[in-house]
Protein backbone atom coordinates (compact mmCIF):
# COMPACT_ATOMS: atom_id res chain seq x y z
CA MET A 1 0.00 0.00 0.00
CA ASN A 2 1.37 3.42 -1.04
CA SER A 3 1.73 5.71 1.99
CA LYS A 4 2.29 8.83 -0.11
CA GLN A 5 -0.50 11.37 -0.45
CA LEU A 6 -0.69 14.02 -3.14
CA THR A 7 -2.74 17.17 -2.52
CA ILE A 8 -3.28 19.65 -5.34
CA ARG A 9 -4.65 23.05 -4.36
CA VAL A 10 -6.43 25.10 -7.00
CA GLY A 11 -7.09 28.63 -5.77
CA ASN A 12 -7.95 31.92 -7.43
CA ASN A 13 -5.06 32.13 -9.90
CA THR A 14 -2.87 29.87 -7.72
CA LEU A 15 -1.84 26.26 -8.07
CA SER A 16 0.33 24.08 -5.84
CA PHE A 17 1.35 20.46 -5.30
CA THR A 18 1.98 18.97 -1.85
CA MET A 19 3.31 15.45 -1.37
CA THR A 20 3.33 13.82 2.05
CA ASP A 21 5.48 10.74 2.56
CA PRO A 22 5.65 9.41 6.17
CA THR A 23 8.39 6.97 5.16
CA ASN A 24 10.73 9.82 4.21
CA ALA A 25 12.23 10.98 7.51
CA GLU A 26 14.29 13.75 5.91
CA GLN A 27 11.48 15.33 3.90
CA PRO A 28 8.05 14.03 4.94
CA VAL A 29 6.30 16.99 3.25
CA LEU A 30 7.28 18.36 -0.15
CA HIS A 31 5.45 21.51 -1.26
CA GLU A 32 5.87 22.95 -4.74
CA PRO A 33 3.90 26.03 -5.85
CA TYR A 34 3.37 26.39 -9.58
CA VAL A 35 3.67 29.85 -11.13
CA VAL A 36 0.35 30.31 -12.90
CA LYS A 37 0.69 31.90 -16.35
CA SER A 38 -1.64 34.78 -17.05
CA GLY A 39 -3.47 34.85 -20.34
CA ILE A 40 -4.29 31.14 -20.37
CA SER A 41 -6.97 29.21 -18.48
CA MET A 42 -6.42 27.33 -15.23
CA VAL A 43 -7.10 24.13 -17.19
CA ALA A 44 -4.20 24.91 -19.52
CA ASN A 45 -2.02 25.84 -16.54
CA LEU A 46 -2.84 22.51 -14.89
CA ARG A 47 -1.84 20.57 -18.02
CA GLU A 48 1.46 22.45 -18.11
CA ALA A 49 1.99 21.87 -14.40
CA PHE A 50 1.62 18.11 -14.83
CA LYS A 51 4.43 18.22 -17.40
CA THR A 52 6.62 20.07 -14.90
CA TYR A 53 5.75 17.79 -11.98
CA ALA A 54 5.56 14.55 -13.90
CA ARG A 55 6.31 12.48 -10.80
CA ALA A 56 3.02 13.66 -9.29
CA ILE A 57 1.02 11.60 -11.77
CA ASP A 58 2.90 8.43 -10.80
CA LEU A 59 0.44 8.12 -7.91
CA PRO A 60 -2.95 6.51 -8.60
CA THR A 61 -4.88 8.84 -6.30
CA ALA A 62 -4.97 12.55 -5.57
CA ARG A 63 -6.78 14.90 -3.26
CA VAL A 64 -7.83 18.18 -4.87
CA LEU A 65 -8.63 21.30 -2.83
CA ILE A 66 -10.80 23.67 -4.85
CA ASN A 67 -11.86 27.23 -4.05
CA THR A 68 -15.31 28.11 -5.44
CA PRO A 69 -18.46 29.65 -3.89
CA VAL A 70 -20.10 27.53 -1.18
CA LEU A 71 -23.68 26.73 -0.25
CA MET A 72 -24.04 25.35 3.28
CA VAL A 73 -26.99 23.05 4.03
CA PRO A 74 -27.91 21.51 7.42
CA ILE A 75 -27.20 17.80 7.19
CA GLU A 76 -30.74 16.84 8.22
CA GLN A 77 -32.16 18.85 5.31
CA PHE A 78 -29.70 17.69 2.65
CA GLN A 79 -30.93 15.56 -0.25
CA GLU A 80 -28.28 14.49 -2.74
CA ALA A 81 -30.75 14.62 -5.62
CA ASP A 82 -31.42 18.30 -4.91
CA ALA A 83 -27.79 19.42 -4.55
CA THR A 84 -27.28 20.65 -8.11
CA THR A 85 -30.64 22.44 -8.27
CA LEU A 86 -30.05 24.17 -4.94
CA TYR A 87 -26.55 25.26 -5.87
CA LEU A 88 -27.38 26.57 -9.33
CA HIS A 89 -30.32 28.48 -7.90
CA SER A 90 -28.01 30.15 -5.37
CA PHE A 91 -25.02 30.60 -7.69
CA PRO A 92 -26.00 30.75 -11.36
CA ARG A 93 -22.97 29.38 -13.16
CA ASN A 94 -22.28 28.09 -16.66
CA GLU A 95 -22.56 24.67 -18.24
CA LYS A 96 -18.86 23.97 -17.66
CA ASP A 97 -19.32 23.55 -13.91
CA VAL A 98 -19.94 20.29 -12.06
CA VAL A 99 -21.59 20.47 -8.64
CA ARG A 100 -19.96 18.49 -5.83
CA TYR A 101 -20.46 18.31 -2.07
CA ASN A 102 -18.55 17.42 1.10
CA VAL A 103 -20.29 16.13 4.23
CA LEU A 104 -19.06 17.70 7.49
CA PRO A 105 -20.32 15.19 10.08
CA THR A 106 -18.81 16.94 13.11
CA LEU A 107 -20.57 20.16 12.12
CA ASN A 108 -23.85 18.58 11.01
CA ALA A 109 -23.58 20.37 7.67
CA VAL A 110 -23.01 19.72 3.98
CA CYS A 111 -20.81 22.00 1.89
CA ILE A 112 -22.02 22.23 -1.74
CA PHE A 113 -19.66 23.76 -4.30
CA CYS A 114 -18.61 23.40 -7.93
CA ILE A 115 -15.59 22.55 -10.03
CA ASN A 116 -14.94 23.38 -13.66
CA LYS A 117 -15.87 20.39 -15.83
CA ASP A 118 -12.70 20.65 -17.96
CA LEU A 119 -10.53 20.94 -14.85
CA LEU A 120 -12.15 17.82 -13.40
CA SER A 121 -11.58 16.00 -16.69
CA VAL A 122 -7.83 16.73 -16.53
CA PHE A 123 -7.66 15.28 -13.01
CA ASN A 124 -9.64 12.20 -14.03
CA ASP A 125 -7.32 11.67 -17.00
CA HIS A 126 -4.28 11.57 -14.71
CA PHE A 127 -5.52 9.66 -11.67
CA ASP A 128 -7.55 6.52 -11.02
CA ASP A 129 -9.24 8.13 -8.04
CA VAL A 130 -9.68 11.85 -7.33
CA GLN A 131 -11.11 13.20 -4.09
CA ILE A 132 -12.52 16.71 -4.57
CA ILE A 133 -12.64 18.79 -1.37
CA HIS A 134 -13.51 22.41 -0.89
CA VAL A 135 -10.48 24.35 0.28
CA MET A 136 -12.28 25.46 3.45
CA VAL A 137 -13.18 21.97 4.72
CA PRO A 138 -9.86 21.28 6.52
CA VAL A 139 -9.86 24.88 7.81
CA TRP A 140 -13.37 24.57 9.27
CA ASN A 141 -12.51 21.24 10.88
CA HIS A 142 -9.33 22.67 12.42
CA LEU A 143 -11.02 25.82 13.76
CA HIS A 144 -14.00 23.86 15.05
CA GLN A 145 -11.63 21.78 17.21
CA ARG A 146 -9.96 24.96 18.49
CA SER A 147 -13.34 26.47 19.38
CA PHE A 148 -13.76 24.04 22.29
CA THR A 149 -10.82 25.54 24.22
CA GLY A 150 -11.99 27.85 27.00
CA HIS A 151 -15.51 29.07 27.71
CA ARG A 152 -15.66 32.20 25.57
CA SER A 153 -17.52 32.56 22.29
CA LYS A 154 -15.17 33.01 19.32
CA ILE A 155 -15.17 34.10 15.71
CA TYR A 156 -12.43 33.18 13.24
CA GLY A 157 -11.27 35.00 10.14
CA TYR A 158 -9.23 33.07 7.58
CA PHE A 159 -7.50 35.05 4.81
CA HIS A 160 -6.76 33.32 1.50
CA ASP A 161 -7.07 33.90 -2.25
CA LYS A 162 -7.90 37.61 -1.75
CA GLN A 163 -10.92 36.74 0.33
CA LEU A 164 -11.86 36.50 3.98
CA ASP A 165 -13.84 33.56 5.32
CA ILE A 166 -15.43 34.22 8.70
CA CYS A 167 -16.92 31.46 10.83
CA SER A 168 -18.14 30.81 14.35
CA PHE A 169 -19.33 27.63 16.00
CA GLN A 170 -21.83 26.67 18.63
CA GLN A 171 -21.11 23.15 19.86
CA ASN A 172 -21.36 20.94 16.76
CA ARG A 173 -22.88 23.44 14.36
CA PHE A 174 -21.98 26.59 12.51
CA LYS A 175 -23.20 29.70 14.27
CA PHE A 176 -21.98 31.82 11.34
CA CYS A 177 -20.28 31.04 8.04
CA ASN A 178 -19.70 33.45 5.16
CA SER A 179 -17.07 34.60 2.68
CA PHE A 180 -16.12 38.15 1.69
CA GLU A 181 -14.01 39.20 -1.28
CA THR A 182 -11.30 41.50 0.03
CA SER A 183 -7.54 41.92 0.07
CA ARG A 184 -7.60 45.19 2.04
CA ALA A 185 -7.05 45.40 5.78
CA HIS A 186 -9.58 48.24 6.23
CA ASP A 187 -12.37 46.30 4.52
CA SER A 188 -11.44 43.17 6.47
CA LEU A 189 -11.71 45.07 9.76
CA TYR A 190 -15.19 46.24 8.79
CA PHE A 191 -16.36 42.71 7.92
CA LEU A 192 -14.93 41.19 11.10
CA LEU A 193 -16.49 43.80 13.38
CA TYR A 194 -19.79 43.66 11.50
CA VAL A 195 -20.01 39.90 12.11
CA TRP A 196 -18.96 40.44 15.74
CA LYS A 197 -21.84 42.89 16.20
CA GLN A 198 -24.27 40.65 14.31
CA LEU A 199 -23.51 37.75 16.66
CA ASN A 200 -23.94 40.06 19.68
CA LEU A 201 -20.56 39.11 21.15
CA LYS A 202 -19.13 40.86 24.21
CA PRO A 203 -16.09 43.13 23.64
CA GLU A 204 -14.68 42.54 27.14
CA HIS A 205 -15.21 38.79 27.21
CA ASP A 206 -15.38 36.98 23.85
CA GLU A 207 -12.59 36.36 21.33
CA ILE A 208 -11.70 37.04 17.73
CA HIS A 209 -8.93 35.11 15.95
CA ILE A 210 -7.45 35.72 12.49
CA LEU A 211 -5.08 33.56 10.47
CA GLY A 212 -3.79 32.90 6.98
CA ASP A 213 -2.41 35.45 4.52
CA ILE A 214 -3.34 38.46 6.65
CA PRO A 215 -3.05 41.92 5.02
CA GLU A 216 -1.28 44.56 7.14
CA GLN A 217 -1.20 42.09 10.00
CA GLU A 218 0.07 44.33 12.80
CA TRP A 219 -2.22 47.23 11.89
CA LEU A 220 -5.25 44.96 11.69
CA LEU A 221 -4.53 43.38 15.07
CA GLN A 222 -4.00 46.79 16.68
CA GLU A 223 -7.28 48.11 15.25
CA MET A 224 -9.26 45.04 16.32
CA ARG A 225 -8.00 45.50 19.87
CA ARG A 226 -9.46 49.00 19.93
CA TYR A 227 -12.88 47.36 19.88
CA VAL A 228 -12.32 43.81 21.14
CA LYS A 229 -10.18 43.05 24.17
CA ASN A 230 -9.33 39.46 23.21
CA ALA A 231 -8.11 39.67 19.61
CA TYR A 232 -5.40 37.27 18.45
CA ILE A 233 -3.43 36.07 15.45
CA ILE A 234 -3.17 32.31 15.06
CA PRO A 235 0.28 31.47 13.65
CA SER A 236 -0.43 29.15 10.75
CA ASP A 237 1.74 27.28 8.30
CA PRO A 238 -0.01 26.89 4.91
CA MET A 239 0.98 23.21 5.09
CA THR A 240 -1.43 22.80 8.01
CA PHE A 241 -4.46 22.94 5.74
CA LEU A 242 -2.84 21.19 2.78
CA THR A 243 -2.05 18.08 4.78
CA LYS A 244 -5.08 17.98 7.10
CA LYS A 245 -8.09 15.85 6.17
């Protein structure tokens, strides 16, 4: 049985390959970003990347992390037959998208998203088995586990791909989950404090945590602490979410 695991992350104009090999004591994790070429599609970039990282396709399986808009559905209300209809009603897309979903059992939710049909075809051409996961799934799982520490309510802001995903949990469910397109610290501060107010959290008691590719990190933390006493940055290695399941 092959112990290696290949994870391919497809973001907004970003592409990377991460290989984990527990048997390799010297280099158990190998991460190789691919410089995406502007002017050509992500599908074309992926084909070129496979030529560059030919060894990646020696493995029969791959895990693909994809970043597209998400529709969250409570697990008790989810019907697989309705997934595509629900998603396309919420996010009108084009005929080149395939709707997929990930079940989040610990959060009693289902994450419905899409992947470009041509992109999926390239993956299927290169691997016997492809697991498609939304890029936020390992992040949500990780932050949900962290949310059980202490007795204060918490919100989390994760920066990636020029967007900010904000979430909060209440026991084994999402209390809040939404994504905002922004790469500016000032806009991010507004979104974080707006969600804080919407959830009616207490400035002197509850907590706000940010992580990821944070814009103007020190300024943002300083400004958050003007309004929220317990504001923190979670040090995070990008590998954390590329290797987590």
